Protein backbone atom coordinates (compact mmCIF):
# COMPACT_ATOMS: atom_id res chain seq x y z
CA MET A 1 -23.81 13.18 -6.73
CA ASN A 2 -21.68 16.00 -8.13
CA LEU A 3 -22.54 17.12 -11.67
CA ASP A 4 -20.34 19.96 -12.90
CA ILE A 5 -22.62 21.72 -15.35
CA VAL A 6 -20.09 24.42 -16.25
CA SER A 7 -17.56 21.84 -17.43
CA SER A 8 -20.30 20.05 -19.34
CA LEU A 9 -21.38 23.27 -21.05
CA ILE A 10 -17.82 24.15 -22.07
CA SER A 11 -16.98 20.64 -23.38
CA ILE A 12 -20.28 20.11 -25.20
CA GLY A 13 -20.11 23.62 -26.63
CA ALA A 14 -16.65 22.91 -28.00
CA LEU A 15 -17.81 19.56 -29.36
CA THR A 16 -20.86 20.99 -31.14
CA THR A 17 -18.70 23.77 -32.61
CA VAL A 18 -16.25 21.22 -34.02
CA MET A 19 -19.17 19.14 -35.34
CA GLY A 20 -20.66 22.22 -36.96
CA LEU A 21 -17.41 23.12 -38.72
CA TRP A 22 -17.00 19.49 -39.78
CA MET A 23 -20.51 19.31 -41.30
CA ILE A 24 -20.15 22.65 -43.06
CA SER A 25 -16.86 21.45 -44.56
CA ALA A 26 -18.48 18.16 -45.61
CA SER A 27 -21.30 20.07 -47.31
CA TYR A 28 -18.83 21.49 -49.84
CA LEU A 29 -17.63 18.10 -51.04
CA PRO A 30 -18.49 17.65 -54.75
CA SER A 31 -20.01 14.21 -54.09
CA GLU A 32 -22.31 15.38 -51.26
CA LEU A 33 -25.98 15.19 -52.28
CA ASN A 34 -27.37 16.82 -49.12
CA SER A 35 -25.07 19.85 -49.04
CA ARG A 36 -27.74 22.41 -48.13
CA GLN A 37 -29.11 20.28 -45.30
CA LEU A 38 -25.63 19.67 -43.89
CA ARG A 39 -24.87 23.38 -44.10
CA ILE A 40 -28.02 24.32 -42.18
CA TRP A 41 -27.27 21.71 -39.54
CA GLY A 42 -23.64 22.81 -39.25
CA LEU A 43 -24.63 26.47 -38.78
CA SER A 44 -27.12 25.38 -36.12
CA CYS A 45 -24.31 23.55 -34.31
CA LEU A 46 -22.27 26.76 -34.30
CA ILE A 47 -25.25 28.57 -32.80
CA PHE A 48 -25.40 25.92 -30.08
CA GLY A 49 -21.70 26.46 -29.40
CA ILE A 50 -22.31 30.18 -28.75
CA SER A 51 -25.35 29.47 -26.57
CA PHE A 52 -23.42 26.99 -24.41
CA ALA A 53 -20.62 29.54 -24.00
CA LEU A 54 -23.17 32.08 -22.74
CA PHE A 55 -24.72 29.50 -20.40
CA ALA A 56 -21.30 28.72 -18.93
CA THR A 57 -20.83 32.38 -17.94
CA ARG A 58 -24.17 32.66 -16.13
CA GLU A 59 -22.53 33.46 -12.78
CA SER A 60 -20.42 36.30 -14.21
CA THR A 61 -22.45 37.91 -17.02
CA PRO A 62 -25.80 39.74 -16.98
CA VAL A 63 -28.97 37.66 -17.10
CA PHE A 64 -29.90 39.20 -20.42
CA TRP A 65 -26.90 37.61 -22.14
CA SER A 66 -26.40 34.40 -20.21
CA LEU A 67 -30.07 33.46 -19.88
CA VAL A 68 -32.24 35.32 -22.41
CA VAL A 69 -29.87 35.46 -25.39
CA GLY A 70 -28.37 32.08 -24.51
CA ASN A 71 -31.77 30.34 -24.52
CA LEU A 72 -32.86 32.21 -27.64
CA LEU A 73 -29.81 30.85 -29.49
CA TYR A 74 -30.40 27.40 -27.97
CA ALA A 75 -33.97 27.37 -29.32
CA LEU A 76 -32.89 28.78 -32.71
CA GLY A 77 -30.40 25.93 -32.97
CA PHE A 78 -33.30 23.46 -32.79
CA VAL A 79 -35.24 25.52 -35.32
CA GLY A 80 -32.30 25.03 -37.68
CA PHE A 81 -32.24 21.31 -36.86
CA GLY A 82 -35.95 21.04 -37.70
CA LEU A 83 -35.49 22.90 -40.99
CA ALA A 84 -32.59 20.63 -41.98
CA ILE A 85 -34.59 17.50 -41.10
CA ALA A 86 -37.59 18.74 -43.10
CA ARG A 87 -35.46 19.38 -46.17
CA LEU A 88 -33.71 16.05 -45.84
CA LEU A 89 -37.07 14.23 -45.63
CA ASN A 90 -38.70 16.44 -48.33
CA GLN A 91 -41.31 17.72 -45.92
CA ARG A 92 -42.76 21.17 -45.34
CA PHE A 93 -41.39 22.97 -42.27
CA PRO A 94 -43.70 25.56 -40.58
CA PHE A 95 -40.81 27.99 -40.12
CA LEU A 96 -42.85 31.09 -39.29
CA ILE A 97 -44.99 29.28 -36.71
CA VAL A 98 -41.97 27.74 -34.99
CA LEU A 99 -39.96 30.97 -35.05
CA THR A 100 -42.91 32.97 -33.70
CA SER A 101 -43.34 30.59 -30.78
CA VAL A 102 -39.63 30.89 -29.94
CA LEU A 103 -39.70 34.71 -30.09
CA ILE A 104 -42.84 34.93 -27.92
CA CYS A 105 -41.30 32.71 -25.26
CA THR A 106 -38.05 34.69 -25.44
CA LEU A 107 -40.01 37.90 -24.91
CA ALA A 108 -41.74 36.33 -21.89
CA LEU A 109 -38.33 35.30 -20.53
CA TYR A 110 -36.99 38.83 -21.03
CA VAL A 111 -39.95 40.45 -19.28
CA THR A 112 -39.91 38.14 -16.27
CA GLU A 113 -36.14 37.83 -15.82
CA VAL A 114 -34.84 41.25 -16.91
CA VAL A 115 -37.73 43.72 -16.64
CA ASN A 116 -39.42 42.27 -13.52
CA ASP A 117 -36.23 40.68 -12.12
CA GLN A 118 -37.92 37.48 -10.98
CA SER A 119 -37.28 33.85 -11.84
CA SER A 120 -40.42 32.24 -10.46
CA TRP A 121 -41.55 31.04 -13.94
CA ARG A 122 -38.15 30.10 -15.31
CA VAL A 123 -38.66 26.33 -15.69
CA LEU A 124 -42.02 26.74 -17.45
CA ILE A 125 -40.73 29.38 -19.90
CA LEU A 126 -37.55 27.45 -20.68
CA THR A 127 -39.69 24.38 -21.39
CA ALA A 128 -42.03 26.36 -23.65
CA ILE A 129 -39.23 27.97 -25.67
CA THR A 130 -38.10 24.65 -27.18
CA ILE A 131 -41.22 22.48 -27.03
CA VAL A 132 -42.61 23.61 -30.41
CA PRO A 133 -39.40 22.98 -32.44
CA TRP A 134 -39.00 19.59 -30.77
CA THR A 135 -42.63 18.60 -31.38
CA VAL A 136 -42.51 19.60 -35.05
CA SER A 137 -39.31 17.57 -35.55
CA LEU A 138 -40.83 14.61 -33.72
CA VAL A 139 -43.90 14.68 -35.98
CA GLN A 140 -41.75 14.90 -39.11
CA CYS A 141 -39.56 11.98 -38.07
CA THR A 142 -42.59 9.91 -37.04
CA GLN A 143 -44.33 10.52 -40.37
CA GLU A 144 -41.19 9.53 -42.25
CA TRP A 145 -40.86 6.40 -40.09
CA LYS A 146 -44.40 5.35 -41.04
CA ARG A 147 -43.62 5.89 -44.72
CA ARG A 148 -40.10 4.46 -44.73
CA PRO A 149 -39.04 2.55 -41.60
CA ALA A 150 -35.32 2.97 -41.07
CA PRO A 151 -33.22 2.64 -37.89
CA HIS A 152 -31.79 6.18 -37.95
CA ILE A 153 -35.25 7.72 -38.43
CA LEU A 154 -36.51 5.72 -35.46
CA ALA A 155 -33.51 6.84 -33.39
CA MET A 156 -34.17 10.50 -34.24
CA SER A 157 -37.85 10.08 -33.33
CA LEU A 158 -36.98 8.50 -29.99
CA ALA A 159 -34.42 11.24 -29.29
CA PHE A 160 -36.95 14.06 -29.76
CA ALA A 161 -39.57 12.14 -27.77
CA ALA A 162 -37.05 11.64 -24.93
CA MET A 163 -36.17 15.36 -24.93
CA ILE A 164 -39.84 16.32 -24.66
CA LEU A 165 -40.31 13.79 -21.87
CA VAL A 166 -37.23 15.08 -19.98
CA SER A 167 -38.42 18.66 -20.35
CA PHE A 168 -41.85 17.91 -18.92
CA SER A 169 -40.23 15.82 -16.20
CA ARG A 170 -38.30 18.93 -15.14
CA VAL A 171 -41.60 20.79 -14.89
CA ALA A 172 -43.10 18.01 -12.79
CA TYR A 173 -39.99 17.86 -10.59
CA ALA A 174 -40.05 21.63 -10.05
CA ALA A 175 -43.78 21.60 -9.22
CA PHE A 176 -43.28 18.75 -6.77
CA HIS A 177 -40.52 20.67 -4.98
CA GLY A 178 -42.62 23.79 -4.57
CA GLY A 179 -41.86 26.14 -7.46
CA PHE A 180 -40.68 26.69 -11.03
CA GLY A 181 -37.88 29.12 -10.26
CA TYR A 182 -34.18 28.96 -9.50
CA SER A 183 -31.35 31.46 -9.62
CA GLY A 184 -27.96 30.99 -11.26
CA PHE A 185 -27.51 27.45 -12.48
CA PRO A 186 -30.25 24.80 -12.13
CA THR A 187 -30.71 23.54 -8.58
CA GLY A 188 -31.97 20.20 -7.35
CA LEU A 189 -30.96 16.83 -8.73
CA GLY A 190 -33.92 16.61 -11.12
CA ASN A 191 -33.37 20.00 -12.74
CA LEU A 192 -29.61 19.48 -12.84
CA LEU A 193 -29.85 16.02 -14.39
CA GLY A 194 -32.41 17.24 -16.93
CA SER A 195 -30.13 20.13 -17.88
CA HIS A 196 -27.22 17.75 -18.50
CA ILE A 197 -29.37 15.53 -20.72
CA LEU A 198 -30.67 18.49 -22.75
CA THR A 199 -27.13 19.87 -23.01
CA ILE A 200 -25.75 16.78 -24.75
CA SER A 201 -28.82 16.36 -27.00
CA PRO A 202 -27.51 18.55 -29.89
CA ALA A 203 -24.34 16.46 -30.14
CA LEU A 204 -26.28 13.19 -30.07
CA LEU A 205 -28.77 14.47 -32.65
CA THR A 206 -25.88 15.58 -34.87
CA VAL A 207 -24.53 12.04 -34.96
CA GLY A 208 -28.00 10.72 -35.81
CA PHE A 209 -28.52 13.33 -38.54
CA PHE A 210 -25.16 12.61 -40.15
CA LEU A 211 -25.94 8.87 -40.21
CA LEU A 212 -29.43 9.57 -41.60
CA SER A 213 -27.97 11.83 -44.29
CA ALA A 214 -25.37 9.22 -45.22
CA GLU A 215 -28.05 6.51 -45.37
CA GLN A 216 -30.22 8.64 -47.64
CA THR A 217 -27.26 9.44 -49.87
CA GLN A 218 -26.55 5.73 -50.25
CA GLU A 219 -30.21 5.15 -51.10
CA VAL A 220 -30.09 7.85 -53.77
CA VAL A 221 -26.89 6.37 -55.20
CA ARG A 222 -28.48 2.91 -55.30
CA LYS A 223 -31.53 4.35 -57.04
CA LEU A 224 -29.36 6.14 -59.57
CA ALA A 225 -27.50 2.89 -60.22
CA ASP A 226 -30.79 1.05 -60.81
CA THR A 227 -32.65 3.59 -62.95
CA ASP A 228 -32.28 5.01 -66.42
CA PRO A 229 -31.32 8.71 -66.11
CA LEU A 230 -33.50 9.88 -69.02
CA THR A 231 -36.78 8.07 -68.35
CA GLY A 232 -36.53 7.31 -64.63
CA ILE A 233 -37.50 3.64 -65.05
CA LEU A 234 -35.32 0.58 -64.42
CA ASN A 235 -32.14 0.28 -66.48
CA ARG A 236 -30.99 -2.88 -68.27
CA ARG A 237 -29.04 -4.34 -65.34
CA SER A 238 -31.76 -3.83 -62.74
CA VAL A 239 -34.69 -4.86 -64.96
CA LEU A 240 -32.99 -8.16 -65.86
CA LEU A 241 -32.07 -8.79 -62.22
CA LEU A 242 -35.63 -8.21 -61.03
CA ALA A 243 -37.03 -10.26 -63.92
CA GLU A 244 -34.75 -13.14 -62.94
CA ASN A 245 -36.30 -13.19 -59.46
CA ARG A 246 -39.83 -13.08 -60.89
CA LEU A 247 -38.98 -15.81 -63.39
CA ALA A 248 -37.63 -18.08 -60.63
CA SER A 249 -40.85 -17.56 -58.68
CA ALA A 250 -42.95 -18.38 -61.76
CA ARG A 251 -40.99 -21.59 -62.30
CA ARG A 252 -41.44 -22.73 -58.70
CA ARG A 253 -45.17 -22.14 -58.88
CA GLN A 254 -45.51 -23.41 -62.46
CA GLN A 255 -47.03 -20.11 -63.61
CA ASN A 256 -47.00 -18.36 -66.96
CA PHE A 257 -44.38 -15.72 -67.67
CA ALA A 258 -44.12 -13.51 -70.75
CA CYS A 259 -41.85 -10.87 -72.20
CA VAL A 260 -42.75 -7.94 -74.45
CA THR A 261 -40.07 -5.85 -76.13
CA VAL A 262 -40.84 -2.34 -77.36
CA ASP A 263 -38.83 -0.39 -79.93
CA LEU A 264 -39.61 3.12 -81.08
CA ASP A 265 -40.03 3.25 -84.86
CA ASP A 266 -37.68 5.45 -86.92
CA LEU A 267 -36.04 7.24 -84.00
CA LYS A 268 -33.07 8.24 -86.18
CA VAL A 269 -35.38 9.84 -88.73
CA PHE A 270 -37.19 11.55 -85.86
CA ASN A 271 -33.90 12.91 -84.48
CA ASP A 272 -32.77 14.10 -87.91
CA ALA A 273 -36.06 15.91 -88.50
CA TYR A 274 -36.65 17.51 -85.09
CA GLY A 275 -33.38 17.22 -83.16
CA HIS A 276 -32.13 15.00 -80.36
CA ALA A 277 -34.13 16.91 -77.75
CA ALA A 278 -37.30 15.81 -79.52
CA GLY A 279 -35.97 12.25 -79.65
CA ASP A 280 -35.39 12.27 -75.90
CA GLN A 281 -38.91 13.58 -75.35
CA ALA A 282 -40.25 10.82 -77.60
CA LEU A 283 -38.55 8.20 -75.43
CA THR A 284 -39.90 9.84 -72.28
CA HIS A 285 -43.36 10.08 -73.85
CA LEU A 286 -43.34 6.36 -74.70
CA THR A 287 -42.23 5.59 -71.13
CA ASN A 288 -45.11 7.61 -69.66
CA VAL A 289 -47.72 6.06 -71.95
CA VAL A 290 -46.64 2.47 -71.40
CA GLY A 291 -45.92 3.08 -67.69
CA LYS A 292 -49.59 3.94 -67.11
CA LEU A 293 -50.73 0.66 -68.67
CA VAL A 294 -48.34 -1.88 -67.19
CA ARG A 295 -49.71 -3.96 -64.35
CA ALA A 296 -48.49 -3.70 -60.77
CA GLU A 297 -46.63 -7.01 -61.02
CA ASP A 298 -44.98 -6.22 -64.38
CA VAL A 299 -41.29 -5.28 -64.63
CA PHE A 300 -40.80 -2.33 -66.99
CA GLY A 301 -37.37 -1.05 -67.98
CA ARG A 302 -35.23 0.48 -70.69
CA LEU A 303 -32.70 -1.82 -72.31
CA GLY A 304 -30.86 1.02 -74.00
CA GLY A 305 -31.28 3.33 -76.98
CA ASP A 306 -34.90 3.19 -78.12
CA GLU A 307 -35.62 -0.34 -76.84
CA PHE A 308 -37.73 -1.15 -73.79
CA VAL A 309 -38.95 -4.36 -72.19
CA VAL A 310 -41.90 -5.44 -70.06
CA PHE A 311 -41.63 -8.75 -68.23
CA MET A 312 -45.11 -10.04 -67.36
CA PRO A 313 -45.65 -12.61 -64.59
CA HIS A 314 -48.85 -14.71 -64.90
CA ALA A 315 -49.28 -13.74 -68.58
CA ASP A 316 -49.59 -16.30 -71.41
CA HIS A 317 -49.07 -15.55 -75.11
CA ASP A 318 -52.58 -14.26 -75.72
CA GLY A 319 -52.64 -12.13 -72.57
CA ALA A 320 -49.22 -10.61 -73.30
CA ALA A 321 -50.24 -9.90 -76.90
CA VAL A 322 -53.42 -8.15 -75.76
CA LEU A 323 -51.41 -5.93 -73.41
CA ALA A 324 -48.86 -5.21 -76.13
CA GLU A 325 -51.65 -4.20 -78.47
CA ARG A 326 -52.98 -1.82 -75.83
CA PHE A 327 -49.53 -0.28 -75.56
CA ARG A 328 -49.32 0.13 -79.34
CA GLU A 329 -52.75 1.73 -79.64
CA ALA A 330 -52.11 4.10 -76.74
CA ILE A 331 -48.78 5.28 -78.20
CA THR A 332 -50.35 5.88 -81.61
CA ARG A 333 -53.40 7.57 -80.13
CA GLN A 334 -51.46 10.02 -77.93
CA PRO A 335 -49.27 12.36 -80.02
CA LEU A 336 -46.13 13.97 -78.64
CA GLU A 337 -46.33 17.74 -78.16
CA PHE A 338 -43.03 19.35 -79.15
CA GLY A 339 -42.32 22.89 -80.28
CA GLY A 340 -46.01 23.62 -80.73
CA ASN A 341 -46.46 20.57 -82.98
CA HIS A 342 -48.36 17.35 -82.36
CA LEU A 343 -46.05 14.57 -83.52
CA THR A 344 -47.32 11.03 -83.96
CA ILE A 345 -44.91 8.35 -82.83
CA THR A 346 -45.23 4.59 -83.27
CA ALA A 347 -43.51 1.53 -81.88
CA SER A 348 -43.02 -2.12 -82.77
CA PHE A 349 -43.57 -4.95 -80.30
CA GLY A 350 -42.28 -8.48 -79.89
CA VAL A 351 -43.87 -11.10 -77.62
CA ALA A 352 -42.38 -14.27 -76.16
CA CYS A 353 -43.67 -16.64 -73.50
CA LEU A 354 -41.82 -18.92 -71.09
CA ARG A 355 -40.64 -22.31 -72.36
CA GLU A 356 -39.29 -25.22 -70.39
CA SER A 357 -35.88 -24.75 -72.03
CA ASP A 358 -35.62 -21.11 -70.89
CA GLU A 359 -33.05 -20.65 -68.16
CA THR A 360 -32.83 -16.85 -67.80
CA PRO A 361 -34.91 -13.81 -68.80
CA LEU A 362 -32.43 -13.31 -71.66
CA ASP A 363 -33.84 -16.42 -73.34
CA LEU A 364 -37.29 -14.82 -73.51
CA LEU A 365 -35.81 -11.45 -74.36
CA ASN A 366 -33.87 -12.78 -77.34
CA ARG A 367 -36.98 -14.44 -78.82
CA ALA A 368 -39.08 -11.35 -78.19
CA ASP A 369 -36.37 -9.25 -79.85
CA ARG A 370 -36.46 -11.40 -82.97
CA ALA A 371 -40.24 -11.05 -83.08
CA MET A 372 -39.96 -7.29 -82.63
CA TYR A 373 -37.48 -6.98 -85.52
CA ASP A 374 -39.89 -9.06 -87.59
CA ALA A 375 -42.57 -6.49 -86.74
CA LYS A 376 -40.26 -3.70 -87.96
CA GLU A 377 -39.56 -5.55 -91.22
CA HIS A 378 -43.32 -5.69 -91.80
CA GLY A 379 -43.66 -1.90 -91.62
CA GLY A 380 -43.54 -1.25 -87.90
CA ASN A 381 -46.36 -0.15 -85.60
CA ASN A 382 -47.52 -3.70 -85.00
CA VAL A 383 -47.23 -6.64 -82.61
CA LYS A 384 -45.47 -9.87 -83.50
CA ALA A 385 -45.01 -12.99 -81.40
CA ALA A 386 -42.18 -15.47 -81.40
CA GLU A 387 -44.62 -18.17 -82.52
CA ARG A 388 -47.18 -16.27 -84.59
CA GLU A 389 -48.42 -12.82 -85.60
CA PHE A 390 -51.11 -11.32 -83.38
CA SER A 391 -51.97 -8.03 -85.02
CA ARG A 392 -50.99 -5.57 -87.67
CA SER A 393 -51.93 -1.95 -88.05
CA GLY A 394 -53.92 -1.05 -91.09
């Protein structure tokens, strides 16, 4: 079996260089959300390109450049990969620990290969120089897989696991054949095959990282499309869509279903008195207060302006009214801190419960809205129901 490692090094080096330039260019697109991560990965690909060029000249250049510097750059490329993965997954990357391990192994390679002019430990040192960056990246991808299973995260995890396995297999192969050293290019089918696999790994990982980055960008875009930019909760479209699914489930199981609308009292007066920044903080404050009280199964969203809605599965009129009253009391009891002042805000609430004639969540929402406007006409800061009044502030 004839494996031309020089041709592989030259072709893969050229490929990783092109990939690096491509990812760096993509990082400057205005629509790219992971620009810093792509830039780090692209620069790492360029480092790999230089390292492969040095590897390819091993027979004609000094060992210091072709072996020591080449493997240092090869390991630093994986350090950059790990840093980019950590930032993409919002994880902490132990940069100093990883870099220190690479530098120590590089020093050991320099002492044995250049100072002492012997290659008897080459396979062990070359394994050690990359094992820490690979292990850290494997742990990060595995943790992310447990939190958020996704095919590209699994593929990245398997890739790093395979690289670690191949590297240790080279050690086992070398030990079985009587030593950990070789001169020039790797010798023996096991070492040669392992070198080819590890040579193409940066290019394969680059494809996986680009797909993972694109997948995460799409997830962020979907989240932005579903959430209100000011408060971070569901927007009108997504809250009604989710409520429709919950309502259909309640109908099938013949369960109660209620709707509570919330409207901040006198927001215009509040804006005129303290400015629109204070008004935005008031909306955010209301969101935080109510968000802590809604149940796990409730659907909480902003309809627009100063109006919010909570759809409540399994809640009848009395239960929904009790929860609405808790919301009202909590909002009144917790003042908004703005500009060194403690500002009291209030809200009006409307309650509606599922009827047989209701076809969509909008049917409940419209009745709850009418009840909420009735609450405002009675002075605000109270809870009204579509059928009857439940409470009124003193």
